[in-house]
Amino acid sequence: MDNLATPGPIGIFDSGYGGLSVFKEIQQLLPQYDYIYLGDNARVPYGTRSFETVYNYTKQCVFKLFDLGCNLVILACNTASAKALRTIQQHDLPPGKKVLGVIRPTTEIVHNFTKTNKIGILATTGTVKSESYKIEIHKFNPEIEVFQHDCPFWVPLVENNEINTEGAHYFVEKDLRELLQQSDKIDTIVLACTHYPLLLPVIQKYTPSNVKIISQGPIVANSLKEYLDRHREIETICSQNGQLAFYTTDDPRDFENKAKIFFGQPIAASHISV
């Protein structure tokens, strides 16, 4: 790590709005830092795209955040974390730059929630196909059995603010039923997409009371705090003025309107090209 690096904001990247649900938890826990959020809304969704496409899009956005002065970038997107993070970390990082994802913080501690060692994963098609959750969970806890199910309609429901509609109830109930049919011993479900916590009241309605539902936001926020505490050489190059900036590759007015749903407060966004 280059100790002479100019301190800069922490970058938060997502393909769209979902990462704002993680960013909200990070900013509440660590309000002293500066942050830049970048949503690649012009090219959403990532969940159904190829590995190569997701890698290329993610790399472009990460390097845009580096250009904006960020030394540390969080991929607040499960699809990007699954399909692009490892390659970027291994092959693309300039000196003094770090990129972290949202999958490892969750998989490191998921064993704390299960008694049956049977865990369900609800995610986008891309995240499920990547097998990233199975791979990472088995690194830490090989005895845990992982059951996955993709939910292709959940992101559009959330982004179109159709959270409490008949359609939302239909698809949430259907997808939960199909996941839980894989094993009657599943006692923990990970919401492995940053959009899904917005559907939590509907998810809870169709989930048996003995099954725990895990959202990533608080887990990722706590993991980042511990990471910065452990790595003081990185913490010192994260600027601390409590400032927030939001960028989107699409229409900033549309971004501002929908961002309130995820971030919980009004924001001001600017357009950016990558």
Protein backbone atom coordinates (compact mmCIF):
# COMPACT_ATOMS: atom_id res chain seq x y z
CA MET A 1 0.00 0.00 0.00
CA ASP A 2 1.31 3.41 -0.98
CA ASN A 3 1.38 5.46 2.21
CA LEU A 4 1.93 8.60 0.12
CA ALA A 5 -1.46 8.23 -1.60
CA THR A 6 -3.71 11.27 -1.36
CA PRO A 7 -6.66 10.51 0.96
CA GLY A 8 -9.91 10.14 -0.95
CA PRO A 9 -13.54 9.03 -0.57
CA ILE A 10 -14.62 5.42 -0.23
CA GLY A 11 -16.26 4.35 -3.48
CA ILE A 12 -19.50 2.37 -3.45
CA PHE A 13 -20.44 0.73 -6.75
CA ASP A 14 -23.58 -1.03 -7.89
CA SER A 15 -25.19 -1.82 -11.22
CA GLY A 16 -28.19 0.25 -10.14
CA TYR A 17 -29.99 1.19 -6.94
CA GLY A 18 -29.66 -1.92 -4.78
CA GLY A 19 -26.24 -1.00 -3.45
CA LEU A 20 -27.83 2.01 -1.79
CA SER A 21 -29.37 -0.37 0.76
CA VAL A 22 -25.84 -1.47 1.70
CA PHE A 23 -24.46 2.07 1.47
CA LYS A 24 -27.16 3.26 3.89
CA GLU A 25 -25.91 0.81 6.53
CA ILE A 26 -22.25 1.68 5.89
CA GLN A 27 -22.87 5.42 6.11
CA GLN A 28 -24.89 5.08 9.32
CA LEU A 29 -22.16 3.01 10.98
CA LEU A 30 -19.21 5.02 9.60
CA PRO A 31 -20.55 8.55 9.00
CA GLN A 32 -17.15 10.23 9.35
CA TYR A 33 -15.84 9.10 5.96
CA ASP A 34 -16.41 10.66 2.54
CA TYR A 35 -18.23 8.48 0.02
CA ILE A 36 -18.91 8.44 -3.71
CA TYR A 37 -21.73 6.20 -4.94
CA LEU A 38 -21.79 5.17 -8.60
CA GLY A 39 -24.80 3.40 -10.09
CA ASP A 40 -24.44 2.02 -13.62
CA ASN A 41 -28.18 2.43 -14.25
CA ALA A 42 -27.77 2.85 -18.01
CA ARG A 43 -26.62 -0.77 -18.31
CA VAL A 44 -28.70 -2.46 -15.61
CA PRO A 45 -29.49 -5.31 -15.07
CA TYR A 46 -26.20 -7.12 -14.57
CA GLY A 47 -27.79 -10.30 -13.21
CA THR A 48 -28.53 -11.88 -16.58
CA ARG A 49 -25.35 -10.78 -18.40
CA SER A 50 -22.29 -12.89 -19.19
CA PHE A 51 -19.25 -13.08 -16.92
CA GLU A 52 -17.16 -11.16 -19.47
CA THR A 53 -19.71 -8.35 -19.81
CA VAL A 54 -20.15 -7.96 -16.04
CA TYR A 55 -16.37 -7.96 -15.58
CA ASN A 56 -15.87 -5.28 -18.25
CA TYR A 57 -18.68 -3.05 -16.96
CA THR A 58 -17.55 -3.42 -13.35
CA LYS A 59 -13.92 -2.71 -14.18
CA GLN A 60 -14.90 0.46 -16.08
CA CYS A 61 -16.91 1.74 -13.13
CA VAL A 62 -14.29 0.83 -10.55
CA PHE A 63 -11.63 2.69 -12.51
CA LYS A 64 -13.96 5.68 -12.84
CA LEU A 65 -14.15 5.74 -9.03
CA PHE A 66 -10.35 5.54 -8.90
CA ASP A 67 -10.25 8.53 -11.28
CA LEU A 68 -12.53 10.39 -8.87
CA GLY A 69 -9.97 9.93 -6.09
CA CYS A 70 -11.16 6.75 -4.37
CA ASN A 71 -8.47 4.45 -3.00
CA LEU A 72 -10.94 1.85 -1.68
CA VAL A 73 -14.01 0.67 -3.61
CA ILE A 74 -16.79 -1.57 -2.31
CA LEU A 75 -18.70 -3.61 -4.89
CA ALA A 76 -22.13 -3.30 -3.26
CA CYS A 77 -23.49 -5.65 -5.92
CA ASN A 78 -23.64 -9.43 -5.60
CA THR A 79 -23.45 -10.04 -9.35
CA ALA A 80 -20.35 -7.86 -9.71
CA SER A 81 -18.82 -9.45 -6.61
CA ALA A 82 -19.53 -12.91 -8.04
CA LYS A 83 -18.43 -12.35 -11.62
CA ALA A 84 -15.78 -9.61 -11.52
CA LEU A 85 -14.21 -9.06 -8.09
CA ARG A 86 -11.62 -11.84 -8.09
CA THR A 87 -10.31 -11.04 -11.59
CA ILE A 88 -10.04 -7.33 -10.80
CA GLN A 89 -8.23 -8.06 -7.52
CA GLN A 90 -5.79 -10.46 -9.17
CA HIS A 91 -5.04 -8.68 -12.44
CA ASP A 92 -6.19 -5.07 -12.62
CA LEU A 93 -5.54 -3.13 -9.41
CA PRO A 94 -3.15 -0.17 -9.64
CA PRO A 95 -0.71 0.24 -6.73
CA GLY A 96 -2.37 1.64 -3.62
CA LYS A 97 -5.93 0.70 -4.63
CA LYS A 98 -8.24 -1.87 -3.02
CA VAL A 99 -11.57 -3.40 -4.08
CA LEU A 100 -13.82 -5.41 -1.75
CA GLY A 101 -17.12 -7.21 -2.34
CA VAL A 102 -20.27 -8.18 -0.44
CA ILE A 103 -20.14 -11.99 -0.71
CA ARG A 104 -17.22 -12.84 1.57
CA PRO A 105 -18.43 -10.82 4.62
CA THR A 106 -21.71 -12.74 4.50
CA THR A 107 -20.25 -16.19 3.90
CA GLU A 108 -17.66 -15.77 6.68
CA ILE A 109 -20.31 -15.53 9.39
CA VAL A 110 -23.36 -17.33 7.99
CA HIS A 111 -22.58 -20.39 10.13
CA ASN A 112 -23.54 -18.31 13.18
CA PHE A 113 -27.18 -18.33 12.08
CA THR A 114 -27.84 -21.97 11.19
CA LYS A 115 -28.41 -24.94 13.50
CA THR A 116 -29.22 -27.48 10.78
CA ASN A 117 -26.29 -26.55 8.50
CA LYS A 118 -28.81 -26.14 5.65
CA ILE A 119 -28.75 -22.65 4.13
CA GLY A 120 -30.86 -21.21 1.32
CA ILE A 121 -29.59 -18.54 -1.08
CA LEU A 122 -31.98 -16.24 -2.97
CA ALA A 123 -30.14 -14.31 -5.69
CA THR A 124 -30.07 -13.17 -9.30
CA THR A 125 -29.57 -15.72 -12.05
CA GLY A 126 -25.97 -14.57 -12.53
CA THR A 127 -25.05 -14.94 -8.87
CA VAL A 128 -26.62 -18.41 -8.67
CA LYS A 129 -24.85 -19.59 -11.84
CA SER A 130 -21.51 -18.30 -10.53
CA GLU A 131 -21.76 -20.70 -7.55
CA SER A 132 -19.94 -17.99 -5.56
CA TYR A 133 -21.95 -18.47 -2.39
CA LYS A 134 -21.48 -22.24 -2.38
CA ILE A 135 -17.76 -21.87 -3.01
CA GLU A 136 -17.20 -19.19 -0.36
CA ILE A 137 -19.39 -20.84 2.30
CA HIS A 138 -17.60 -24.16 1.80
CA LYS A 139 -14.21 -22.46 2.20
CA PHE A 140 -15.15 -21.50 5.74
CA ASN A 141 -17.69 -24.23 6.59
CA PRO A 142 -17.48 -27.33 4.37
CA GLU A 143 -20.15 -29.08 6.42
CA ILE A 144 -22.87 -26.59 5.43
CA GLU A 145 -25.22 -27.62 2.61
CA VAL A 146 -26.22 -24.74 0.34
CA PHE A 147 -29.46 -24.60 -1.66
CA GLN A 148 -29.87 -21.87 -4.27
CA HIS A 149 -32.78 -20.36 -6.17
CA ASP A 150 -32.76 -17.44 -8.60
CA CYS A 151 -35.48 -14.77 -8.49
CA PRO A 152 -35.37 -12.91 -11.84
CA PHE A 153 -38.51 -10.87 -11.18
CA TRP A 154 -37.59 -9.46 -7.78
CA VAL A 155 -35.23 -6.70 -8.96
CA PRO A 156 -37.72 -5.24 -11.50
CA LEU A 157 -40.46 -5.33 -8.84
CA VAL A 158 -38.30 -3.33 -6.44
CA GLU A 159 -36.94 -0.87 -9.01
CA ASN A 160 -40.47 -0.13 -10.26
CA ASN A 161 -41.65 0.36 -6.66
CA GLU A 162 -44.12 -2.52 -6.94
CA ILE A 163 -43.15 -3.91 -3.56
CA ASN A 164 -46.68 -4.29 -2.18
CA THR A 165 -48.45 -5.35 -5.37
CA GLU A 166 -50.21 -8.60 -6.14
CA GLY A 167 -47.36 -9.47 -8.50
CA ALA A 168 -44.76 -9.07 -5.77
CA HIS A 169 -46.69 -11.38 -3.46
CA TYR A 170 -47.12 -13.94 -6.23
CA PHE A 171 -43.43 -14.12 -7.20
CA VAL A 172 -42.08 -13.94 -3.63
CA GLU A 173 -44.37 -16.75 -2.48
CA LYS A 174 -43.54 -18.85 -5.58
CA ASP A 175 -39.76 -18.41 -5.29
CA LEU A 176 -39.69 -19.07 -1.55
CA ARG A 177 -41.76 -22.21 -2.02
CA GLU A 178 -39.40 -23.46 -4.74
CA LEU A 179 -36.33 -22.80 -2.57
CA LEU A 180 -37.78 -24.45 0.53
CA GLN A 181 -38.96 -27.47 -1.47
CA GLN A 182 -35.28 -28.35 -1.98
CA SER A 183 -34.96 -29.24 1.72
CA ASP A 184 -37.28 -29.11 4.71
CA LYS A 185 -34.22 -28.58 6.92
CA ILE A 186 -33.34 -25.09 5.60
CA ASP A 187 -33.34 -22.82 8.66
CA THR A 188 -31.51 -19.76 7.26
CA ILE A 189 -32.07 -17.80 4.05
CA VAL A 190 -29.54 -15.28 2.75
CA LEU A 191 -30.95 -12.44 0.65
CA ALA A 192 -28.01 -12.46 -1.76
CA CYS A 193 -29.04 -9.40 -3.75
CA THR A 194 -28.99 -5.88 -2.40
CA HIS A 195 -32.49 -5.19 -3.77
CA TYR A 196 -34.16 -7.97 -1.84
CA PRO A 197 -34.27 -6.37 1.65
CA LEU A 198 -36.80 -3.89 0.23
CA LEU A 199 -39.16 -6.87 -0.13
CA LEU A 200 -38.56 -8.03 3.44
CA PRO A 201 -42.15 -7.54 4.73
CA VAL A 202 -43.46 -9.67 1.85
CA ILE A 203 -40.67 -12.24 2.24
CA GLN A 204 -41.44 -12.60 5.96
CA LYS A 205 -45.10 -13.23 5.21
CA TYR A 206 -44.28 -16.35 3.18
CA THR A 207 -41.33 -17.63 5.22
CA PRO A 208 -41.87 -20.12 8.08
CA SER A 209 -41.30 -18.50 11.48
CA ASN A 210 -38.43 -20.88 12.31
CA VAL A 211 -36.39 -19.73 9.28
CA LYS A 212 -34.00 -16.80 9.77
CA ILE A 213 -33.71 -14.23 6.98
CA ILE A 214 -30.30 -12.58 6.58
CA SER A 215 -29.86 -9.18 4.92
CA GLN A 216 -26.36 -8.16 3.89
CA GLY A 217 -26.30 -4.43 4.66
CA PRO A 218 -25.46 -4.58 8.39
CA ILE A 219 -23.05 -7.48 7.84
CA VAL A 220 -21.12 -5.64 5.12
CA ALA A 221 -21.03 -2.42 7.17
CA ASN A 222 -19.61 -4.22 10.22
CA SER A 223 -17.12 -6.08 8.04
CA LEU A 224 -15.89 -2.81 6.52
CA LYS A 225 -15.46 -1.26 9.97
CA GLU A 226 -13.40 -4.26 11.11
CA TYR A 227 -11.37 -4.16 7.87
CA LEU A 228 -10.48 -0.49 8.37
CA ASP A 229 -9.63 -1.14 12.02
CA ARG A 230 -7.26 -3.95 10.97
CA HIS A 231 -5.72 -2.14 8.01
CA ARG A 232 -4.69 1.27 9.30
CA GLU A 233 -2.61 1.89 6.18
CA ILE A 234 -5.85 1.86 4.17
CA GLU A 235 -7.92 3.69 6.75
CA THR A 236 -5.48 6.61 6.68
CA ILE A 237 -6.03 7.15 2.93
CA CYS A 238 -9.83 7.34 3.31
CA SER A 239 -10.76 11.01 3.72
CA GLN A 240 -13.00 11.99 6.63
CA ASN A 241 -15.22 15.01 6.05
CA GLY A 242 -18.61 13.28 6.16
CA GLN A 243 -19.34 14.22 2.53
CA LEU A 244 -21.52 12.19 0.14
CA ALA A 245 -21.66 12.30 -3.67
CA PHE A 246 -23.90 10.28 -5.98
CA TYR A 247 -23.36 9.54 -9.67
CA THR A 248 -25.40 7.60 -12.20
CA THR A 249 -24.70 6.63 -15.80
CA ASP A 250 -28.39 7.31 -16.58
CA ASP A 251 -30.85 10.15 -15.85
CA PRO A 252 -29.95 11.78 -12.51
CA ARG A 253 -33.50 12.99 -11.86
CA ASP A 254 -34.86 9.47 -12.24
CA PHE A 255 -32.04 8.21 -10.04
CA GLU A 256 -32.88 10.73 -7.32
CA ASN A 257 -36.56 9.72 -7.31
CA LYS A 258 -35.88 6.00 -6.96
CA ALA A 259 -32.86 6.31 -4.69
CA LYS A 260 -35.08 7.50 -1.83
CA ILE A 261 -36.65 4.02 -1.69
CA PHE A 262 -33.25 2.41 -1.05
CA PHE A 263 -31.26 5.08 0.82
CA GLY A 264 -34.09 6.24 3.04
CA GLN A 265 -33.50 9.96 2.46
CA PRO A 266 -33.41 12.41 -0.46
CA ILE A 267 -30.16 12.63 -2.41
CA ALA A 268 -28.75 14.80 -5.20
CA ALA A 269 -27.21 12.94 -8.14
CA SER A 270 -25.12 13.85 -11.16
CA HIS A 271 -24.70 12.12 -14.51
CA ILE A 272 -21.36 10.51 -15.28
CA SER A 273 -19.99 8.65 -18.31
CA VAL A 274 -17.74 5.61 -17.92
